[in-house]
Amino acid sequence: MRTRVKICGITRQQDIQSVVNAGADAIGFVFFSPSPRSVTIEQAQALAEHIPAYVQMVGLFVNASIEEIQQVLKHVPLDILQLHGDETPEKCQQIARATGRRWYKAIQVKPDLDLITTIQQYQDAGASAMLLDAWHPELKGGTGHSFDWKQFPQLDIPLILAGGLKPDNVEDAIKTTQAYAVDVSGGVESAKGIKDQQLIEHFMQGVQRGSAKY
């Protein structure tokens, strides 16, 4: 089975076409205004019209209120929520009940984090997956940094690898971690929020190589 791929931080219609043509499984919209890749509800609504069936739409939120998420969902038919802030397992459950959407939690792999216990807490709260990202003292994702992939656990919940992934390292990343999915943003960009079709294609080729069983 090929490792699943989400390409996040989409801001332009032509980038959707590049992502879809390359065979990615999911497209991510960032609803976090400090991010250079953020989109408004109106922008995301217009972009969503160009995403075909069988390509998932993921909404990334950082410490958003239930009301803010519901407002997005009135206009943008997101398939799944990516909760990328300091949301507790209890908060994630509340959001899921209020929105009726599946969700997964992104956590930054800090040096002192009890990774297994943390993942278990969110899994018990109903997470569909967990995303493991590089830690940064100020940024919530999109750092361009990676963590030690040897720390990547093997558990009975789908695990998504993020942080510092690029066309030239994703093959090694997948072989090292055996991740269920990978999440890339800056690694396939020519500028923040501007995706590069050639980089996307090379990234997907790396995923294919990394997913191959020899």
Foldseek 3Di string as FASTA:
>chain_A
DFFAEEEELAQDLVVLVLLVVLPHQEYEAECDVVAPSHDDLVSQLVSQVNHDPRRFYEYEDEPDDLVVVVVSCVRHVHQEYEYQYDDFLVNVLVSCVSRVHAYEYEDADDPPDPVVVRRVRNVVSPHQEYEYEHDDPPDRDPPLAADDLLPQDDDPHQYEYEHNDALVCVLVSCLNRVHNHYYDYVRQAPDHNHGDSVRSNSNSVSSVNSRDDD
